[in-house]
Amino acid sequence: MTCASALLTLGLVFSKSPAPVDAPVSVQFALDGDTLKVHYEVKESAVYGRGTLNPGQYSFNYDVVELFLSVAGQKGNVPYYEFDVDAAGQIFQLKIQDPHHIPPRPTATYGLQAVSTPTDDGWTADLEIPLKALGWKGDPKTVIANAFAVLGEPSSRAYWSAFLPRSQHLITFHQPVYFQPALTCE
């Protein structure tokens, strides 16, 4: 059985400056045993990032792709996990017990392996997440997620999502009610 997703193009949720014309981010999921593989492609002419983060800085302070993931299979279920990778390959992992009270910093790691690679027209990020470490019982239908990207300098950032609706103001990504199945199996 092969489990994967179609190539998803992220839609613009909110932008602090005039919205880009083209959607610059796509994502695809695949299941390899009990490992979820996630491939992002980011098209941008100038990457806002930092080679090494200082104390108190996180990958989400710069151009970043994010995956919010649940292995429980029902929208709105907690816990869920946040996995972030910036253009320099720096990672952030977080377990969320309550989307209204996000921990200020990571308290554990959940096995995320990630690599970011510069390309001629942006960068890619490849994530590998061991689902059993998150409590996954082996049913691909229970893997639900939402994919995000935050791109640009703070004054002109654009916020992209696979499943969140467009907004007139900045909204939180922590809305598990919008999670969708990440995989289709054949």
Protein backbone atom coordinates (compact mmCIF):
# COMPACT_ATOMS: atom_id res chain seq x y z
CA MET A 1 0.00 0.00 0.00
CA THR A 2 1.31 3.45 -0.97
CA CYS A 3 0.21 6.47 1.04
CA ALA A 4 0.90 10.00 -0.15
CA SER A 5 -0.79 13.28 -0.91
CA ALA A 6 -1.24 15.29 -4.03
CA LEU A 7 1.02 18.32 -4.35
CA LEU A 8 -0.73 21.04 -2.33
CA THR A 9 -0.27 24.74 -3.07
CA LEU A 10 -0.53 26.90 0.02
CA GLY A 11 -3.00 29.78 -0.14
CA LEU A 12 -2.46 33.26 1.22
CA VAL A 13 -4.06 33.77 4.63
CA PHE A 14 -2.83 37.29 5.42
CA SER A 15 -0.16 39.69 4.21
CA LYS A 16 1.27 42.82 5.85
CA SER A 17 2.07 44.25 2.40
CA PRO A 18 0.50 43.91 -1.04
CA ALA A 19 -0.12 40.22 -1.58
CA PRO A 20 2.24 38.32 -3.86
CA VAL A 21 0.63 37.34 -7.15
CA ASP A 22 1.80 33.74 -7.23
CA ALA A 23 1.56 31.25 -4.41
CA PRO A 24 5.22 30.59 -3.57
CA VAL A 25 4.88 27.44 -1.45
CA SER A 26 3.86 23.86 -2.15
CA VAL A 27 3.95 20.78 0.07
CA GLN A 28 3.61 17.04 -0.38
CA PHE A 29 3.28 14.23 2.19
CA ALA A 30 4.30 10.57 1.94
CA LEU A 31 4.29 7.69 4.40
CA ASP A 32 7.41 5.51 4.57
CA GLY A 33 6.74 2.78 7.14
CA ASP A 34 5.94 4.72 10.28
CA THR A 35 7.74 7.87 9.13
CA LEU A 36 5.88 10.82 7.65
CA LYS A 37 7.97 12.49 4.96
CA VAL A 38 7.07 16.07 4.10
CA HIS A 39 8.57 18.02 1.19
CA TYR A 40 8.15 21.79 0.90
CA GLU A 41 9.18 23.93 -2.07
CA VAL A 42 9.47 27.67 -1.43
CA LYS A 43 9.85 30.07 -4.34
CA GLU A 44 11.17 33.46 -3.26
CA SER A 45 13.82 35.77 -4.63
CA ALA A 46 15.12 36.95 -1.24
CA VAL A 47 15.19 34.69 1.80
CA TYR A 48 14.75 36.38 5.17
CA GLY A 49 16.78 34.29 7.53
CA ARG A 50 19.71 33.84 9.79
CA GLY A 51 22.47 31.24 9.69
CA THR A 52 22.58 30.75 13.45
CA LEU A 53 19.91 31.71 15.94
CA ASN A 54 20.77 33.64 19.09
CA PRO A 55 19.24 32.75 22.47
CA GLY A 56 15.55 33.68 22.47
CA GLN A 57 15.29 33.49 18.68
CA TYR A 58 13.37 30.72 16.96
CA SER A 59 13.06 29.47 13.40
CA PHE A 60 9.59 31.03 13.14
CA ASN A 61 11.13 34.52 13.55
CA TYR A 62 12.41 34.16 9.96
CA ASP A 63 11.25 32.56 6.70
CA VAL A 64 9.88 29.25 7.84
CA VAL A 65 7.69 26.32 6.84
CA GLU A 66 5.54 24.76 9.53
CA LEU A 67 3.57 21.56 9.91
CA PHE A 68 0.87 21.16 12.55
CA LEU A 69 0.13 17.45 12.90
CA SER A 70 -2.20 15.17 14.82
CA VAL A 71 -2.20 11.38 14.76
CA ALA A 72 -5.58 11.15 16.54
CA GLY A 73 -7.58 11.50 13.32
CA GLN A 74 -10.23 13.99 14.43
CA LYS A 75 -10.23 17.70 13.75
CA GLY A 76 -9.81 19.71 16.91
CA ASN A 77 -8.14 16.85 18.80
CA VAL A 78 -5.27 17.58 21.12
CA PRO A 79 -2.53 17.01 21.57
CA TYR A 80 -1.08 18.00 18.25
CA TYR A 81 2.47 18.82 17.27
CA GLU A 82 4.16 21.77 15.60
CA PHE A 83 7.25 21.16 13.47
CA ASP A 84 9.05 24.18 11.95
CA VAL A 85 12.07 24.39 9.66
CA ASP A 86 13.63 27.62 8.47
CA ALA A 87 15.63 28.22 5.30
CA ALA A 88 18.89 27.59 7.21
CA GLY A 89 17.65 24.16 8.39
CA GLN A 90 17.06 25.16 12.01
CA ILE A 91 14.17 23.32 13.60
CA PHE A 92 11.53 23.89 16.25
CA GLN A 93 9.30 21.14 17.70
CA LEU A 94 6.44 21.59 20.11
CA LYS A 95 3.63 19.51 21.59
CA ILE A 96 0.42 21.52 22.01
CA GLN A 97 -2.04 20.36 24.65
CA ASP A 98 -4.32 23.40 24.33
CA PRO A 99 -4.36 25.69 21.26
CA HIS A 100 -5.33 28.61 23.51
CA HIS A 101 -2.23 28.20 25.70
CA ILE A 102 0.84 27.62 23.55
CA PRO A 103 4.03 26.81 25.51
CA PRO A 104 6.58 29.63 25.06
CA ARG A 105 9.42 27.27 24.14
CA PRO A 106 10.00 23.61 23.37
CA THR A 107 10.16 21.28 26.33
CA ALA A 108 11.05 18.07 24.47
CA THR A 109 11.94 16.74 21.05
CA TYR A 110 9.81 14.40 18.98
CA GLY A 111 12.29 12.93 16.52
CA LEU A 112 12.04 15.49 13.71
CA GLN A 113 14.82 15.18 11.15
CA ALA A 114 14.96 18.03 8.65
CA VAL A 115 17.13 19.44 5.89
CA SER A 116 16.76 22.75 4.06
CA THR A 117 18.40 23.19 0.69
CA PRO A 118 18.86 26.43 -1.28
CA THR A 119 17.67 26.35 -4.89
CA ASP A 120 18.05 28.77 -7.80
CA ASP A 121 14.66 30.28 -7.05
CA GLY A 122 14.21 29.79 -3.30
CA TRP A 123 14.67 26.75 -1.05
CA THR A 124 13.26 23.36 -0.15
CA ALA A 125 12.70 21.69 3.20
CA ASP A 126 12.45 17.95 3.76
CA LEU A 127 11.06 16.75 7.08
CA GLU A 128 10.93 13.22 8.46
CA ILE A 129 8.71 12.65 11.48
CA PRO A 130 8.56 9.29 13.30
CA LEU A 131 4.81 8.96 13.86
CA LYS A 132 5.02 6.20 16.48
CA ALA A 133 6.94 8.63 18.73
CA LEU A 134 3.76 10.75 18.65
CA GLY A 135 1.51 7.86 19.66
CA TRP A 136 0.42 6.85 16.16
CA LYS A 137 -1.31 3.44 16.08
CA GLY A 138 -0.59 2.69 12.40
CA ASP A 139 -3.75 3.85 10.59
CA PRO A 140 -2.83 6.36 7.84
CA LYS A 141 -6.37 7.84 8.00
CA THR A 142 -5.62 9.26 11.46
CA VAL A 143 -2.73 11.42 10.21
CA ILE A 144 -4.25 14.89 9.84
CA ALA A 145 -2.41 18.16 9.43
CA ASN A 146 -2.19 21.69 8.18
CA ALA A 147 0.85 23.09 6.40
CA PHE A 148 2.03 26.68 6.68
CA ALA A 149 4.72 29.10 5.57
CA VAL A 150 5.62 32.52 6.91
CA LEU A 151 7.77 34.53 4.52
CA GLY A 152 9.32 37.99 4.46
CA GLU A 153 10.75 40.57 6.81
CA PRO A 154 8.60 41.46 9.85
CA SER A 155 7.10 44.60 8.28
CA SER A 156 6.04 42.79 5.09
CA ARG A 157 5.44 39.19 6.15
CA ALA A 158 3.01 36.99 4.27
CA TYR A 159 1.27 34.03 5.94
CA TRP A 160 0.36 30.97 3.86
CA SER A 161 -1.64 27.83 4.68
CA ALA A 162 -2.91 24.68 3.01
CA PHE A 163 -6.32 24.83 4.69
CA LEU A 164 -6.88 28.06 6.66
CA PRO A 165 -9.23 30.59 5.03
CA ARG A 166 -8.12 34.05 3.87
CA SER A 167 -8.33 36.72 6.57
CA GLN A 168 -8.32 40.52 6.73
CA HIS A 169 -6.11 40.39 9.82
CA LEU A 170 -3.39 38.21 11.25
CA ILE A 171 -4.86 35.07 12.81
CA THR A 172 -3.31 32.23 14.75
CA PHE A 173 -2.28 29.09 12.94
CA HIS A 174 -3.27 27.12 16.04
CA GLN A 175 -6.71 26.09 14.77
CA PRO A 176 -6.82 22.29 14.66
CA VAL A 177 -10.41 22.41 13.44
CA TYR A 178 -8.92 23.12 9.98
CA PHE A 179 -6.64 20.05 9.93
CA GLN A 180 -7.26 17.75 6.98
CA PRO A 181 -6.16 14.18 6.13
CA ALA A 182 -2.53 14.28 5.07
CA LEU A 183 -2.49 10.99 3.17
CA THR A 184 -4.44 9.05 0.57
CA CYS A 185 -3.63 5.34 0.36
CA GLU A 186 -3.83 3.08 -2.69
